[in-house]
Amino acid sequence: MPERPIRLFGDPVLKTVSTPVEQIDDRVRALVDDLLDSVRMPGRAGVAASQIGVNLRAFSYNVDGEVGYILNPEIVEVSGDKELIDEGCLSVPGLWHKTPRHPFARVRGIDLDGNEMELSGTGLMAQALQHETDHLDGLLYLDRLEKAERRVAMRQVRESDWF
């Protein structure tokens, strides 16, 4: 399947808490294929199902040449003091802002066979795990910004040509 169009800031699906995957069927397998195809595009570290308009708890990632997915991810561990990291989002194109993120994150979920799996990492992987899980919880990185930075970001959104 080709990559799916990315939903942009303002689309209600991006502010909706995603429903857990309860049954792994052909629809969920097709979703994972779409997520993997969508994340393989240049410059993408992750794509959440909500970003392609599907309200299910799943995301794909593409970090340091490793491409994969996880269903029903939940953050089970973060560590280290939050650091301000330049962050952007496919759903908020062209904007980058200093976002507080933990330097380590671990998520737990399942694969397409229903087997429990974990993903963890530091650096870009930690950032992606936190960012994509936020999407599934109905949050955008803009929601994590410190107050002054958020004011600037929201002005930039309003002035953007895509909003």
C-alpha atoms as a PDB file:
ATOM      1  CA  MET A   1       0.000   0.000   0.000  1.00  0.00           C
ATOM      2  CA  PRO A   2       1.200   3.548  -0.591  1.00  0.00           C
ATOM      3  CA  GLU A   3       1.851   5.960   2.229  1.00  0.00           C
ATOM      4  CA  ARG A   4      -1.308   7.479   3.671  1.00  0.00           C
ATOM      5  CA  PRO A   5      -1.932  11.240   3.868  1.00  0.00           C
ATOM      6  CA  ILE A   6      -0.982  12.781   7.202  1.00  0.00           C
ATOM      7  CA  ARG A   7      -3.725  14.543   9.169  1.00  0.00           C
ATOM      8  CA  LEU A   8      -2.849  18.099  10.174  1.00  0.00           C
ATOM      9  CA  PHE A   9      -3.242  20.132  13.355  1.00  0.00           C
ATOM     10  CA  GLY A  10      -6.915  20.975  13.794  1.00  0.00           C
ATOM     11  CA  ASP A  11      -8.180  17.540  12.718  1.00  0.00           C
ATOM     12  CA  PRO A  12     -10.212  16.154  15.658  1.00  0.00           C
ATOM     13  CA  VAL A  13      -8.670  12.661  15.340  1.00  0.00           C
ATOM     14  CA  LEU A  14      -5.364  14.115  16.561  1.00  0.00           C
ATOM     15  CA  LYS A  15      -6.946  15.178  19.867  1.00  0.00           C
ATOM     16  CA  THR A  16      -8.796  11.884  20.410  1.00  0.00           C
ATOM     17  CA  VAL A  17      -7.475   9.157  22.721  1.00  0.00           C
ATOM     18  CA  SER A  18      -6.918   6.089  20.548  1.00  0.00           C
ATOM     19  CA  THR A  19      -8.835   2.872  21.128  1.00  0.00           C
ATOM     20  CA  PRO A  20      -6.778  -0.217  22.038  1.00  0.00           C
ATOM     21  CA  VAL A  21      -6.446  -2.943  19.426  1.00  0.00           C
ATOM     22  CA  GLU A  22      -8.647  -5.747  20.767  1.00  0.00           C
ATOM     23  CA  GLN A  23      -8.585  -8.159  17.832  1.00  0.00           C
ATOM     24  CA  ILE A  24      -5.771  -8.652  15.351  1.00  0.00           C
ATOM     25  CA  ASP A  25      -7.457  -9.119  12.014  1.00  0.00           C
ATOM     26  CA  ASP A  26      -6.879  -8.189   8.361  1.00  0.00           C
ATOM     27  CA  ARG A  27      -7.844  -4.579   9.090  1.00  0.00           C
ATOM     28  CA  VAL A  28      -5.131  -4.272  11.752  1.00  0.00           C
ATOM     29  CA  ARG A  29      -2.576  -6.016   9.517  1.00  0.00           C
ATOM     30  CA  ALA A  30      -3.399  -3.559   6.717  1.00  0.00           C
ATOM     31  CA  LEU A  31      -3.029  -0.672   9.181  1.00  0.00           C
ATOM     32  CA  VAL A  32       0.444  -1.875  10.171  1.00  0.00           C
ATOM     33  CA  ASP A  33       1.411  -2.143   6.478  1.00  0.00           C
ATOM     34  CA  ASP A  34       0.178   1.427   5.930  1.00  0.00           C
ATOM     35  CA  LEU A  35       2.058   2.682   8.989  1.00  0.00           C
ATOM     36  CA  LEU A  36       5.277   1.005   7.838  1.00  0.00           C
ATOM     37  CA  ASP A  37       4.903   2.387   4.302  1.00  0.00           C
ATOM     38  CA  SER A  38       4.163   5.852   5.688  1.00  0.00           C
ATOM     39  CA  VAL A  39       7.145   5.924   8.069  1.00  0.00           C
ATOM     40  CA  ARG A  40       9.625   4.883   5.366  1.00  0.00           C
ATOM     41  CA  MET A  41       9.291   8.256   3.662  1.00  0.00           C
ATOM     42  CA  PRO A  42      12.425  10.418   4.048  1.00  0.00           C
ATOM     43  CA  GLY A  43      12.720  12.422   7.263  1.00  0.00           C
ATOM     44  CA  ARG A  44      10.169  10.444   9.265  1.00  0.00           C
ATOM     45  CA  ALA A  45      10.999   8.971  12.684  1.00  0.00           C
ATOM     46  CA  GLY A  46       7.476   7.828  13.526  1.00  0.00           C
ATOM     47  CA  VAL A  47       3.853   7.771  12.405  1.00  0.00           C
ATOM     48  CA  ALA A  48       0.927   7.166  14.753  1.00  0.00           C
ATOM     49  CA  ALA A  49      -2.296   5.591  13.491  1.00  0.00           C
ATOM     50  CA  SER A  50      -4.203   8.754  14.425  1.00  0.00           C
ATOM     51  CA  GLN A  51      -1.978  10.724  12.051  1.00  0.00           C
ATOM     52  CA  ILE A  52      -3.354   8.687   9.150  1.00  0.00           C
ATOM     53  CA  GLY A  53      -6.907   8.988  10.432  1.00  0.00           C
ATOM     54  CA  VAL A  54      -7.251   5.671  12.257  1.00  0.00           C
ATOM     55  CA  ASN A  55      -8.339   5.763  15.884  1.00  0.00           C
ATOM     56  CA  LEU A  56      -6.422   2.658  16.990  1.00  0.00           C
ATOM     57  CA  ARG A  57      -3.499   2.429  19.393  1.00  0.00           C
ATOM     58  CA  ALA A  58      -0.580   1.690  17.028  1.00  0.00           C
ATOM     59  CA  PHE A  59       2.489   3.430  15.660  1.00  0.00           C
ATOM     60  CA  SER A  60       5.466   2.777  13.431  1.00  0.00           C
ATOM     61  CA  TYR A  61       9.016   4.055  13.855  1.00  0.00           C
ATOM     62  CA  ASN A  62      12.085   4.576  11.679  1.00  0.00           C
ATOM     63  CA  VAL A  63      15.115   5.389  13.815  1.00  0.00           C
ATOM     64  CA  ASP A  64      18.752   4.809  12.884  1.00  0.00           C
ATOM     65  CA  GLY A  65      17.773   2.448  10.051  1.00  0.00           C
ATOM     66  CA  GLU A  66      15.493   0.348  12.270  1.00  0.00           C
ATOM     67  CA  VAL A  67      11.895   0.277  11.048  1.00  0.00           C
ATOM     68  CA  GLY A  68       9.127  -1.364  13.052  1.00  0.00           C
ATOM     69  CA  TYR A  69       5.754  -1.010  14.734  1.00  0.00           C
ATOM     70  CA  ILE A  70       3.982  -1.664  18.014  1.00  0.00           C
ATOM     71  CA  LEU A  71       0.335  -2.168  18.909  1.00  0.00           C
ATOM     72  CA  ASN A  72      -1.205  -0.942  22.172  1.00  0.00           C
ATOM     73  CA  PRO A  73       1.956   0.818  23.343  1.00  0.00           C
ATOM     74  CA  GLU A  74       2.087   2.191  26.851  1.00  0.00           C
ATOM     75  CA  ILE A  75       5.040   4.017  28.350  1.00  0.00           C
ATOM     76  CA  VAL A  76       6.290   1.867  31.209  1.00  0.00           C
ATOM     77  CA  GLU A  77       9.475   3.763  32.024  1.00  0.00           C
ATOM     78  CA  VAL A  78      11.128   7.110  31.461  1.00  0.00           C
ATOM     79  CA  SER A  79      14.304   8.227  33.133  1.00  0.00           C
ATOM     80  CA  GLY A  80      16.602  11.158  33.358  1.00  0.00           C
ATOM     81  CA  ASP A  81      15.712  14.795  33.818  1.00  0.00           C
ATOM     82  CA  LYS A  82      13.697  16.233  30.966  1.00  0.00           C
ATOM     83  CA  GLU A  83      15.783  18.032  28.361  1.00  0.00           C
ATOM     84  CA  LEU A  84      14.680  20.606  25.804  1.00  0.00           C
ATOM     85  CA  ILE A  85      15.028  18.923  22.410  1.00  0.00           C
ATOM     86  CA  ASP A  86      14.252  20.361  18.974  1.00  0.00           C
ATOM     87  CA  GLU A  87      11.102  18.569  17.907  1.00  0.00           C
ATOM     88  CA  GLY A  88       8.781  18.740  14.941  1.00  0.00           C
ATOM     89  CA  CYS A  89       5.741  16.791  13.804  1.00  0.00           C
ATOM     90  CA  LEU A  90       4.326  15.685  10.474  1.00  0.00           C
ATOM     91  CA  SER A  91       0.927  16.950  11.666  1.00  0.00           C
ATOM     92  CA  VAL A  92       2.390  20.417  12.323  1.00  0.00           C
ATOM     93  CA  PRO A  93       4.547  20.783   9.197  1.00  0.00           C
ATOM     94  CA  GLY A  94       7.495  23.132   9.045  1.00  0.00           C
ATOM     95  CA  LEU A  95       7.597  24.007  12.742  1.00  0.00           C
ATOM     96  CA  TRP A  96      10.292  22.970  15.217  1.00  0.00           C
ATOM     97  CA  HIS A  97      10.278  23.838  18.901  1.00  0.00           C
ATOM     98  CA  LYS A  98      12.238  23.020  22.055  1.00  0.00           C
ATOM     99  CA  THR A  99      10.182  20.271  23.694  1.00  0.00           C
ATOM    100  CA  PRO A 100      10.835  18.792  27.146  1.00  0.00           C
ATOM    101  CA  ARG A 101      11.508  15.051  26.805  1.00  0.00           C
ATOM    102  CA  HIS A 102      13.129  12.414  28.990  1.00  0.00           C
ATOM    103  CA  PRO A 103      16.449  11.101  27.594  1.00  0.00           C
ATOM    104  CA  PHE A 104      15.320   7.459  28.015  1.00  0.00           C
ATOM    105  CA  ALA A 105      11.957   5.830  27.363  1.00  0.00           C
ATOM    106  CA  ARG A 106      10.552   2.298  27.287  1.00  0.00           C
ATOM    107  CA  VAL A 107       7.170   1.253  25.892  1.00  0.00           C
ATOM    108  CA  ARG A 108       5.421  -2.089  26.154  1.00  0.00           C
ATOM    109  CA  GLY A 109       2.802  -3.409  23.734  1.00  0.00           C
ATOM    110  CA  ILE A 110       2.143  -6.327  21.401  1.00  0.00           C
ATOM    111  CA  ASP A 111       3.027  -7.440  17.889  1.00  0.00           C
ATOM    112  CA  LEU A 112       0.727  -8.781  15.158  1.00  0.00           C
ATOM    113  CA  ASP A 113       0.880 -12.255  16.708  1.00  0.00           C
ATOM    114  CA  GLY A 114      -0.323 -10.914  20.064  1.00  0.00           C
ATOM    115  CA  ASN A 115       3.080 -11.437  21.667  1.00  0.00           C
ATOM    116  CA  GLU A 116       4.212  -8.892  24.251  1.00  0.00           C
ATOM    117  CA  MET A 117       7.071  -6.701  23.077  1.00  0.00           C
ATOM    118  CA  GLU A 118       9.080  -3.771  24.365  1.00  0.00           C
ATOM    119  CA  LEU A 119      10.858  -0.929  22.645  1.00  0.00           C
ATOM    120  CA  SER A 120      13.325   1.314  24.428  1.00  0.00           C
ATOM    121  CA  GLY A 121      16.051   3.743  23.659  1.00  0.00           C
ATOM    122  CA  THR A 122      17.815   7.012  24.195  1.00  0.00           C
ATOM    123  CA  GLY A 123      18.184  10.023  21.957  1.00  0.00           C
ATOM    124  CA  LEU A 124      15.928  10.042  18.905  1.00  0.00           C
ATOM    125  CA  MET A 125      14.367   6.691  19.833  1.00  0.00           C
ATOM    126  CA  ALA A 126      13.369   7.950  23.300  1.00  0.00           C
ATOM    127  CA  GLN A 127      11.963  11.092  21.728  1.00  0.00           C
ATOM    128  CA  ALA A 128      10.015   9.105  19.095  1.00  0.00           C
ATOM    129  CA  LEU A 129       8.568   6.694  21.668  1.00  0.00           C
ATOM    130  CA  GLN A 130       7.315   9.595  23.798  1.00  0.00           C
ATOM    131  CA  HIS A 131       6.086  11.607  20.796  1.00  0.00           C
ATOM    132  CA  GLU A 132       4.163   8.753  19.135  1.00  0.00           C
ATOM    133  CA  THR A 133       2.645   7.551  22.413  1.00  0.00           C
ATOM    134  CA  ASP A 134       1.503  11.124  23.042  1.00  0.00           C
ATOM    135  CA  HIS A 135      -0.314  11.040  19.687  1.00  0.00           C
ATOM    136  CA  LEU A 136      -2.193   7.933  20.795  1.00  0.00           C
ATOM    137  CA  ASP A 137      -3.153   9.737  24.007  1.00  0.00           C
ATOM    138  CA  GLY A 138      -4.591  12.660  22.014  1.00  0.00           C
ATOM    139  CA  LEU A 139      -1.617  14.965  22.581  1.00  0.00           C
ATOM    140  CA  LEU A 140       0.581  16.858  20.159  1.00  0.00           C
ATOM    141  CA  TYR A 141       4.105  17.967  20.969  1.00  0.00           C
ATOM    142  CA  LEU A 142       2.712  21.519  21.095  1.00  0.00           C
ATOM    143  CA  ASP A 143       0.838  20.467  24.247  1.00  0.00           C
ATOM    144  CA  ARG A 144       4.191  19.709  25.941  1.00  0.00           C
ATOM    145  CA  LEU A 145       5.821  23.060  25.227  1.00  0.00           C
ATOM    146  CA  GLU A 146       6.635  25.489  27.995  1.00  0.00           C
ATOM    147  CA  LYS A 147       4.175  28.404  28.147  1.00  0.00           C
ATOM    148  CA  ALA A 148       6.224  31.048  26.283  1.00  0.00           C
ATOM    149  CA  GLU A 149       7.320  28.565  23.608  1.00  0.00           C
ATOM    150  CA  ARG A 150       3.731  27.399  23.152  1.00  0.00           C
ATOM    151  CA  ARG A 151       2.538  30.975  22.552  1.00  0.00           C
ATOM    152  CA  VAL A 152       5.139  31.364  19.802  1.00  0.00           C
ATOM    153  CA  ALA A 153       4.236  27.987  18.294  1.00  0.00           C
ATOM    154  CA  MET A 154       0.503  28.698  18.222  1.00  0.00           C
ATOM    155  CA  ARG A 155       1.119  32.041  16.496  1.00  0.00           C
ATOM    156  CA  GLN A 156       3.247  30.229  13.895  1.00  0.00           C
ATOM    157  CA  VAL A 157       0.475  27.664  13.373  1.00  0.00           C
ATOM    158  CA  ARG A 158      -2.115  30.411  12.827  1.00  0.00           C
ATOM    159  CA  GLU A 159       0.193  32.156  10.348  1.00  0.00           C
ATOM    160  CA  SER A 160       1.116  28.982   8.436  1.00  0.00           C
ATOM    161  CA  ASP A 161      -0.126  28.432   4.896  1.00  0.00           C
ATOM    162  CA  TRP A 162      -1.458  24.939   5.720  1.00  0.00           C
ATOM    163  CA  PHE A 163      -3.684  25.930   8.676  1.00  0.00           C
END
